[in-house]
C-alpha atoms as a PDB file:
ATOM      1  CA  MET A   1      49.768 -85.033 173.305  1.00  0.00           C
ATOM      2  CA  THR A   2      48.215 -84.325 170.283  1.00  0.00           C
ATOM      3  CA  ASN A   3      46.508 -81.048 169.614  1.00  0.00           C
ATOM      4  CA  GLU A   4      42.658 -80.786 169.858  1.00  0.00           C
ATOM      5  CA  GLN A   5      42.679 -78.586 167.437  1.00  0.00           C
ATOM      6  CA  LEU A   6      44.340 -80.917 164.738  1.00  0.00           C
ATOM      7  CA  LEU A   7      42.703 -84.238 165.993  1.00  0.00           C
ATOM      8  CA  GLY A   8      40.989 -85.906 163.072  1.00  0.00           C
ATOM      9  CA  LYS A   9      40.942 -82.963 160.981  1.00  0.00           C
ATOM     10  CA  SER A  10      40.986 -83.621 157.468  1.00  0.00           C
ATOM     11  CA  ILE A  11      44.102 -81.438 156.013  1.00  0.00           C
ATOM     12  CA  LEU A  12      45.604 -81.522 152.406  1.00  0.00           C
ATOM     13  CA  LEU A  13      49.322 -80.599 152.045  1.00  0.00           C
ATOM     14  CA  THR A  14      50.578 -79.716 148.847  1.00  0.00           C
ATOM     15  CA  GLY A  15      54.136 -78.934 148.005  1.00  0.00           C
ATOM     16  CA  ALA A  16      54.354 -82.100 150.711  1.00  0.00           C
ATOM     17  CA  THR A  17      57.628 -83.593 149.193  1.00  0.00           C
ATOM     18  CA  GLY A  18      59.367 -80.707 149.490  1.00  0.00           C
ATOM     19  CA  GLY A  19      61.815 -79.684 152.809  1.00  0.00           C
ATOM     20  CA  ILE A  20      58.764 -77.622 154.784  1.00  0.00           C
ATOM     21  CA  GLY A  21      55.973 -79.866 152.991  1.00  0.00           C
ATOM     22  CA  GLN A  22      57.746 -82.937 154.511  1.00  0.00           C
ATOM     23  CA  ALA A  23      58.708 -81.425 158.212  1.00  0.00           C
ATOM     24  CA  THR A  24      55.141 -80.036 158.220  1.00  0.00           C
ATOM     25  CA  ALA A  25      53.541 -83.520 157.410  1.00  0.00           C
ATOM     26  CA  LEU A  26      55.699 -85.291 160.101  1.00  0.00           C
ATOM     27  CA  GLN A  27      54.249 -82.882 162.329  1.00  0.00           C
ATOM     28  CA  LEU A  28      50.918 -82.788 161.266  1.00  0.00           C
ATOM     29  CA  ALA A  29      50.829 -86.421 161.314  1.00  0.00           C
ATOM     30  CA  ARG A  30      52.147 -86.552 165.321  1.00  0.00           C
ATOM     31  CA  GLU A  31      49.078 -84.501 165.734  1.00  0.00           C
ATOM     32  CA  GLY A  32      46.748 -87.028 164.625  1.00  0.00           C
ATOM     33  CA  ALA A  33      45.960 -84.887 161.609  1.00  0.00           C
ATOM     34  CA  LEU A  34      43.697 -86.855 158.751  1.00  0.00           C
ATOM     35  CA  LEU A  35      46.385 -86.131 155.641  1.00  0.00           C
ATOM     36  CA  THR A  36      46.079 -86.070 151.952  1.00  0.00           C
ATOM     37  CA  LEU A  37      49.506 -85.446 150.660  1.00  0.00           C
ATOM     38  CA  SER A  38      49.889 -83.993 147.025  1.00  0.00           C
ATOM     39  CA  GLY A  39      52.678 -83.445 144.702  1.00  0.00           C
ATOM     40  CA  ARG A  40      54.159 -83.561 141.608  1.00  0.00           C
ATOM     41  CA  SER A  41      56.076 -87.045 142.074  1.00  0.00           C
ATOM     42  CA  ALA A  42      54.526 -90.250 143.022  1.00  0.00           C
ATOM     43  CA  GLU A  43      57.503 -91.663 143.616  1.00  0.00           C
ATOM     44  CA  LYS A  44      58.553 -89.212 146.724  1.00  0.00           C
ATOM     45  CA  LEU A  45      54.859 -88.978 147.650  1.00  0.00           C
ATOM     46  CA  GLU A  46      54.861 -92.774 148.535  1.00  0.00           C
ATOM     47  CA  ALA A  47      57.981 -92.761 150.173  1.00  0.00           C
ATOM     48  CA  LEU A  48      56.681 -89.729 152.178  1.00  0.00           C
ATOM     49  CA  ALA A  49      53.477 -91.750 153.074  1.00  0.00           C
ATOM     50  CA  ALA A  50      55.695 -94.777 153.606  1.00  0.00           C
ATOM     51  CA  SER A  51      58.078 -92.983 156.367  1.00  0.00           C
ATOM     52  CA  LEU A  52      54.797 -91.339 157.741  1.00  0.00           C
ATOM     53  CA  GLU A  53      53.190 -94.628 158.480  1.00  0.00           C
ATOM     54  CA  GLN A  54      55.930 -95.829 159.982  1.00  0.00           C
ATOM     55  CA  GLU A  55      56.532 -93.143 162.499  1.00  0.00           C
ATOM     56  CA  THR A  56      52.686 -92.944 163.454  1.00  0.00           C
ATOM     57  CA  GLY A  57      51.044 -96.086 162.207  1.00  0.00           C
ATOM     58  CA  VAL A  58      48.562 -94.359 159.998  1.00  0.00           C
ATOM     59  CA  ARG A  59      49.492 -94.250 156.593  1.00  0.00           C
ATOM     60  CA  PRO A  60      48.260 -90.727 154.957  1.00  0.00           C
ATOM     61  CA  SER A  61      46.506 -90.630 150.907  1.00  0.00           C
ATOM     62  CA  THR A  62      48.678 -89.534 148.452  1.00  0.00           C
ATOM     63  CA  ILE A  63      47.528 -87.531 144.722  1.00  0.00           C
ATOM     64  CA  VAL A  64      49.613 -86.809 142.411  1.00  0.00           C
ATOM     65  CA  ALA A  65      48.864 -82.953 140.717  1.00  0.00           C
ATOM     66  CA  ASP A  66      50.250 -80.051 138.718  1.00  0.00           C
ATOM     67  CA  LEU A  67      49.047 -77.368 140.724  1.00  0.00           C
ATOM     68  CA  SER A  68      49.630 -75.079 137.565  1.00  0.00           C
ATOM     69  CA  ARG A  69      46.856 -77.346 135.721  1.00  0.00           C
ATOM     70  CA  ALA A  70      43.126 -76.638 136.163  1.00  0.00           C
ATOM     71  CA  PRO A  71      41.802 -79.582 135.646  1.00  0.00           C
ATOM     72  CA  GLN A  72      44.438 -81.249 137.965  1.00  0.00           C
ATOM     73  CA  VAL A  73      43.763 -79.333 140.989  1.00  0.00           C
ATOM     74  CA  GLU A  74      39.631 -79.217 140.158  1.00  0.00           C
ATOM     75  CA  LYS A  75      40.393 -83.358 140.410  1.00  0.00           C
ATOM     76  CA  LEU A  76      42.914 -83.083 143.123  1.00  0.00           C
ATOM     77  CA  LEU A  77      40.462 -81.292 145.093  1.00  0.00           C
ATOM     78  CA  ALA A  78      37.599 -83.645 144.421  1.00  0.00           C
ATOM     79  CA  GLU A  79      39.492 -87.039 145.401  1.00  0.00           C
ATOM     80  CA  ALA A  80      41.183 -85.551 148.410  1.00  0.00           C
ATOM     81  CA  THR A  81      37.474 -84.375 149.726  1.00  0.00           C
ATOM     82  CA  ALA A  82      35.526 -87.263 148.595  1.00  0.00           C
ATOM     83  CA  GLU A  83      35.298 -89.331 151.749  1.00  0.00           C
ATOM     84  CA  ARG A  84      35.888 -86.521 154.691  1.00  0.00           C
ATOM     85  CA  GLY A  85      35.449 -83.131 153.496  1.00  0.00           C
ATOM     86  CA  LEU A  86      38.562 -80.318 154.106  1.00  0.00           C
ATOM     87  CA  ASP A  87      38.965 -78.528 157.004  1.00  0.00           C
ATOM     88  CA  ILE A  88      42.345 -77.069 156.347  1.00  0.00           C
ATOM     89  CA  LEU A  89      44.669 -76.382 153.309  1.00  0.00           C
ATOM     90  CA  VAL A  90      48.525 -75.806 153.435  1.00  0.00           C
ATOM     91  CA  ASN A  91      50.231 -75.230 149.988  1.00  0.00           C
ATOM     92  CA  ALA A  92      53.974 -75.612 150.621  1.00  0.00           C
ATOM     93  CA  ALA A  93      54.212 -76.032 146.827  1.00  0.00           C
ATOM     94  CA  GLY A  94      56.651 -73.170 144.432  1.00  0.00           C
ATOM     95  CA  VAL A  95      59.746 -73.053 142.391  1.00  0.00           C
ATOM     96  CA  GLY A  96      62.280 -70.785 142.852  1.00  0.00           C
ATOM     97  CA  LEU A  97      63.926 -68.481 140.405  1.00  0.00           C
ATOM     98  CA  VAL A  98      66.821 -65.897 141.587  1.00  0.00           C
ATOM     99  CA  LYS A  99      68.920 -64.806 138.729  1.00  0.00           C
ATOM    100  CA  PRO A 100      69.431 -61.103 136.902  1.00  0.00           C
ATOM    101  CA  LEU A 101      66.445 -60.356 134.658  1.00  0.00           C
ATOM    102  CA  GLU A 102      68.609 -60.144 131.515  1.00  0.00           C
ATOM    103  CA  ASN A 103      69.446 -63.951 132.213  1.00  0.00           C
ATOM    104  CA  ILE A 104      65.635 -64.769 132.636  1.00  0.00           C
ATOM    105  CA  SER A 105      63.981 -66.641 129.647  1.00  0.00           C
ATOM    106  CA  PRO A 106      60.058 -66.186 128.692  1.00  0.00           C
ATOM    107  CA  GLU A 107      59.825 -70.040 129.697  1.00  0.00           C
ATOM    108  CA  GLU A 108      61.347 -69.568 133.347  1.00  0.00           C
ATOM    109  CA  MET A 109      59.150 -66.538 133.869  1.00  0.00           C
ATOM    110  CA  THR A 110      56.338 -68.637 133.043  1.00  0.00           C
ATOM    111  CA  LEU A 111      56.860 -71.204 134.971  1.00  0.00           C
ATOM    112  CA  THR A 112      57.550 -69.055 137.794  1.00  0.00           C
ATOM    113  CA  LEU A 113      54.372 -67.439 137.292  1.00  0.00           C
ATOM    114  CA  ALA A 114      52.310 -70.718 136.882  1.00  0.00           C
ATOM    115  CA  ALA A 115      53.478 -72.225 139.829  1.00  0.00           C
ATOM    116  CA  ASN A 116      54.091 -69.870 142.652  1.00  0.00           C
ATOM    117  CA  LEU A 117      51.026 -67.691 141.610  1.00  0.00           C
ATOM    118  CA  TYR A 118      48.374 -69.359 139.110  1.00  0.00           C
ATOM    119  CA  GLY A 119      48.627 -72.835 140.981  1.00  0.00           C
ATOM    120  CA  ALA A 120      47.972 -70.872 144.188  1.00  0.00           C
ATOM    121  CA  MET A 121      44.853 -69.232 142.870  1.00  0.00           C
ATOM    122  CA  LEU A 122      43.300 -72.452 141.574  1.00  0.00           C
ATOM    123  CA  LEU A 123      44.296 -74.280 144.772  1.00  0.00           C
ATOM    124  CA  SER A 124      42.324 -71.379 146.651  1.00  0.00           C
ATOM    125  CA  GLN A 125      39.167 -71.041 144.572  1.00  0.00           C
ATOM    126  CA  ALA A 126      38.853 -74.880 144.760  1.00  0.00           C
ATOM    127  CA  ALA A 127      39.399 -75.191 148.581  1.00  0.00           C
ATOM    128  CA  VAL A 128      36.796 -71.935 149.061  1.00  0.00           C
ATOM    129  CA  LYS A 129      34.105 -74.114 146.999  1.00  0.00           C
ATOM    130  CA  VAL A 130      34.448 -77.004 149.045  1.00  0.00           C
ATOM    131  CA  MET A 131      34.599 -74.918 152.367  1.00  0.00           C
ATOM    132  CA  THR A 132      31.918 -72.387 151.465  1.00  0.00           C
ATOM    133  CA  PRO A 133      28.519 -74.819 151.877  1.00  0.00           C
ATOM    134  CA  LYS A 134      30.091 -75.752 155.646  1.00  0.00           C
ATOM    135  CA  LYS A 135      30.813 -72.140 156.773  1.00  0.00           C
ATOM    136  CA  SER A 136      34.483 -72.891 158.222  1.00  0.00           C
ATOM    137  CA  GLY A 137      37.398 -73.675 157.021  1.00  0.00           C
ATOM    138  CA  HIS A 138      41.289 -72.349 156.845  1.00  0.00           C
ATOM    139  CA  ILE A 139      43.533 -71.917 153.851  1.00  0.00           C
ATOM    140  CA  LEU A 140      47.002 -71.244 154.715  1.00  0.00           C
ATOM    141  CA  HIS A 141      50.231 -70.594 151.604  1.00  0.00           C
ATOM    142  CA  VAL A 142      53.334 -70.550 152.664  1.00  0.00           C
ATOM    143  CA  VAL A 143      54.393 -67.253 150.344  1.00  0.00           C
ATOM    144  CA  GLY A 144      58.033 -66.893 151.657  1.00  0.00           C
ATOM    145  CA  ILE A 145      59.861 -63.040 152.609  1.00  0.00           C
ATOM    146  CA  LEU A 146      59.814 -62.273 148.979  1.00  0.00           C
ATOM    147  CA  GLY A 147      56.137 -61.797 149.222  1.00  0.00           C
ATOM    148  CA  LYS A 148      57.024 -58.556 151.041  1.00  0.00           C
ATOM    149  CA  ALA A 149      60.233 -58.060 150.868  1.00  0.00           C
ATOM    150  CA  PRO A 150      62.018 -56.998 147.530  1.00  0.00           C
ATOM    151  CA  MET A 151      65.952 -58.687 146.339  1.00  0.00           C
ATOM    152  CA  ALA A 152      67.465 -57.939 143.965  1.00  0.00           C
ATOM    153  CA  GLN A 153      67.920 -60.867 141.387  1.00  0.00           C
ATOM    154  CA  ALA A 154      64.626 -61.555 142.153  1.00  0.00           C
ATOM    155  CA  SER A 155      62.537 -59.773 139.959  1.00  0.00           C
ATOM    156  CA  VAL A 156      60.520 -62.474 138.731  1.00  0.00           C
ATOM    157  CA  TYR A 157      60.190 -64.767 141.478  1.00  0.00           C
ATOM    158  CA  CYS A 158      59.300 -61.623 144.167  1.00  0.00           C
ATOM    159  CA  ALA A 159      56.268 -60.346 141.558  1.00  0.00           C
ATOM    160  CA  SER A 160      54.883 -63.969 141.636  1.00  0.00           C
ATOM    161  CA  LYS A 161      55.062 -63.341 145.388  1.00  0.00           C
ATOM    162  CA  TYR A 162      53.890 -60.004 146.021  1.00  0.00           C
ATOM    163  CA  GLY A 163      51.224 -61.107 143.685  1.00  0.00           C
ATOM    164  CA  LEU A 164      50.391 -64.146 145.673  1.00  0.00           C
ATOM    165  CA  THR A 165      50.107 -61.834 148.640  1.00  0.00           C
ATOM    166  CA  GLY A 166      47.864 -59.567 146.815  1.00  0.00           C
ATOM    167  CA  PHE A 167      45.236 -62.192 146.281  1.00  0.00           C
ATOM    168  CA  LEU A 168      45.249 -63.441 149.821  1.00  0.00           C
ATOM    169  CA  GLN A 169      44.388 -59.976 151.210  1.00  0.00           C
ATOM    170  CA  ALA A 170      41.792 -60.182 148.838  1.00  0.00           C
ATOM    171  CA  LEU A 171      40.728 -63.664 149.650  1.00  0.00           C
ATOM    172  CA  ARG A 172      40.712 -62.710 153.305  1.00  0.00           C
ATOM    173  CA  ALA A 173      38.323 -59.910 152.807  1.00  0.00           C
ATOM    174  CA  GLU A 174      35.905 -61.961 150.630  1.00  0.00           C
ATOM    175  CA  VAL A 175      35.780 -64.876 152.484  1.00  0.00           C
ATOM    176  CA  SER A 176      36.711 -64.627 156.750  1.00  0.00           C
ATOM    177  CA  ARG A 177      33.707 -63.084 157.497  1.00  0.00           C
ATOM    178  CA  ARG A 178      30.972 -64.059 154.874  1.00  0.00           C
ATOM    179  CA  HIS A 179      31.801 -68.032 155.047  1.00  0.00           C
ATOM    180  CA  ASN A 180      34.128 -68.075 158.428  1.00  0.00           C
ATOM    181  CA  ILE A 181      37.148 -69.306 156.152  1.00  0.00           C
ATOM    182  CA  LYS A 182      40.367 -68.196 157.661  1.00  0.00           C
ATOM    183  CA  VAL A 183      43.156 -67.074 155.215  1.00  0.00           C
ATOM    184  CA  THR A 184      46.828 -67.165 156.324  1.00  0.00           C
ATOM    185  CA  GLY A 185      50.150 -65.692 154.544  1.00  0.00           C
ATOM    186  CA  LEU A 186      52.964 -67.312 156.153  1.00  0.00           C
ATOM    187  CA  TYR A 187      56.541 -65.440 155.188  1.00  0.00           C
ATOM    188  CA  LEU A 188      59.789 -67.195 156.073  1.00  0.00           C
ATOM    189  CA  GLY A 189      62.867 -65.642 155.448  1.00  0.00           C
ATOM    190  CA  GLY A 190      66.005 -67.960 154.838  1.00  0.00           C
ATOM    191  CA  VAL A 191      64.752 -71.524 155.373  1.00  0.00           C
ATOM    192  CA  ASP A 192      67.412 -74.372 154.708  1.00  0.00           C
ATOM    193  CA  THR A 193      65.961 -76.434 152.192  1.00  0.00           C
ATOM    194  CA  PRO A 194      67.025 -78.031 148.827  1.00  0.00           C
ATOM    195  CA  PHE A 195      65.361 -74.824 147.106  1.00  0.00           C
ATOM    196  CA  TYR A 196      68.747 -73.551 147.281  1.00  0.00           C
ATOM    197  CA  ASP A 197      70.302 -76.761 145.157  1.00  0.00           C
ATOM    198  CA  ASN A 198      68.100 -75.556 141.980  1.00  0.00           C
ATOM    199  CA  PRO A 199      70.723 -74.129 139.577  1.00  0.00           C
ATOM    200  CA  ALA A 200      68.019 -71.174 139.100  1.00  0.00           C
ATOM    201  CA  ILE A 201      69.074 -69.867 142.277  1.00  0.00           C
ATOM    202  CA  GLU A 202      72.366 -67.642 141.713  1.00  0.00           C
ATOM    203  CA  MET A 203      72.978 -66.578 145.243  1.00  0.00           C
ATOM    204  CA  LYS A 204      75.572 -67.520 148.014  1.00  0.00           C
ATOM    205  CA  VAL A 205      73.857 -68.359 151.392  1.00  0.00           C
ATOM    206  CA  GLN A 206      74.980 -69.246 154.764  1.00  0.00           C
ATOM    207  CA  ARG A 207      72.442 -72.127 155.123  1.00  0.00           C
ATOM    208  CA  ASP A 208      73.902 -73.110 158.775  1.00  0.00           C
ATOM    209  CA  LYS A 209      72.295 -69.677 159.674  1.00  0.00           C
ATOM    210  CA  MET A 210      68.957 -70.109 158.534  1.00  0.00           C
ATOM    211  CA  LEU A 211      65.896 -71.307 159.960  1.00  0.00           C
ATOM    212  CA  SER A 212      65.151 -74.931 159.823  1.00  0.00           C
ATOM    213  CA  VAL A 213      62.259 -77.017 158.143  1.00  0.00           C
ATOM    214  CA  SER A 214      61.435 -77.941 161.823  1.00  0.00           C
ATOM    215  CA  ASP A 215      61.210 -74.111 162.511  1.00  0.00           C
ATOM    216  CA  ALA A 216      58.978 -73.656 159.387  1.00  0.00           C
ATOM    217  CA  ALA A 217      56.682 -76.410 160.244  1.00  0.00           C
ATOM    218  CA  GLY A 218      56.250 -75.040 163.774  1.00  0.00           C
ATOM    219  CA  ALA A 219      55.429 -71.835 162.529  1.00  0.00           C
ATOM    220  CA  ILE A 220      52.893 -73.414 160.142  1.00  0.00           C
ATOM    221  CA  LEU A 221      51.432 -75.454 163.307  1.00  0.00           C
ATOM    222  CA  TYR A 222      51.354 -72.489 165.478  1.00  0.00           C
ATOM    223  CA  ALA A 223      49.115 -70.622 162.522  1.00  0.00           C
ATOM    224  CA  LEU A 224      46.786 -73.851 162.527  1.00  0.00           C
ATOM    225  CA  THR A 225      46.408 -73.948 166.277  1.00  0.00           C
ATOM    226  CA  GLN A 226      45.279 -70.059 167.069  1.00  0.00           C
ATOM    227  CA  PRO A 227      41.810 -70.115 169.179  1.00  0.00           C
ATOM    228  CA  ALA A 228      38.567 -70.419 166.744  1.00  0.00           C
ATOM    229  CA  HIS A 229      37.943 -66.483 167.755  1.00  0.00           C
ATOM    230  CA  LEU A 230      41.383 -64.910 166.098  1.00  0.00           C
ATOM    231  CA  VAL A 231      42.191 -64.973 162.709  1.00  0.00           C
ATOM    232  CA  LEU A 232      46.223 -64.810 161.900  1.00  0.00           C
ATOM    233  CA  GLY A 233      46.271 -63.148 158.811  1.00  0.00           C
ATOM    234  CA  GLU A 234      50.196 -62.837 158.074  1.00  0.00           C
ATOM    235  CA  LEU A 235      52.591 -64.554 160.076  1.00  0.00           C
ATOM    236  CA  THR A 236      56.517 -63.236 159.729  1.00  0.00           C
ATOM    237  CA  LEU A 237      59.403 -65.376 160.825  1.00  0.00           C
ATOM    238  CA  GLN A 238      63.131 -64.811 160.174  1.00  0.00           C
ATOM    239  CA  PRO A 239      66.470 -65.872 161.231  1.00  0.00           C
ATOM    240  CA  GLU A 240      67.696 -62.966 162.911  1.00  0.00           C
ATOM    241  CA  SER A 241      70.999 -63.334 160.617  1.00  0.00           C
ATOM    242  CA  HIS A 242      68.847 -62.897 157.753  1.00  0.00           C
ATOM    243  CA  GLN A 243      66.463 -60.526 158.069  1.00  0.00           C
ATOM    244  CA  LEU A 244      64.923 -58.536 154.884  1.00  0.00           C
END
């Protein structure tokens, strides 16, 4: 049975080809949402769209975009909203960086801040411009638990995520009452995804004790399907063994 709050809703999902993104795309498609999927790999997007079509009978739209580039974000929103507007934005995009500060290059710092903070701000700004005229919408960012809990060897990554937390808190104060746009930050801890296959992640983890991508996607759906009169500003979900 589909959820009436998501059925027929126009949803833009960025970072769609990542572990959390793919699981979320599947759950949203099963709920009858009208999906536009975005990521940096056309090949991966097309493969995901084909699998969702096989699962649900409906093929989502796909748009390749690099969120750290303002012109591409502007083009993404223009194309994604041209026919059916935008009801919900879910941003699951981002890059990881966990290593000692002295071993981090300026290029790695720039990439992390651009992908996790600057891109998220650009995306939110573009979404607000689309949602403001109709006085409704929901913006959800998968921030991660390191956006509110510091961790050794994650200084630059934490900086990008703490920055996003501050941005979302201020954005919520700006648009929630004035424009009836909900803003949610999702703080997931320890999700078993390809995030930990990245050589930039220098840490040992017990992946079998982490949250699953289905757990993460379920938290996103929970946040998106709260009653209209409620605003779920922040949601934290951690595995029992990986609490920070």
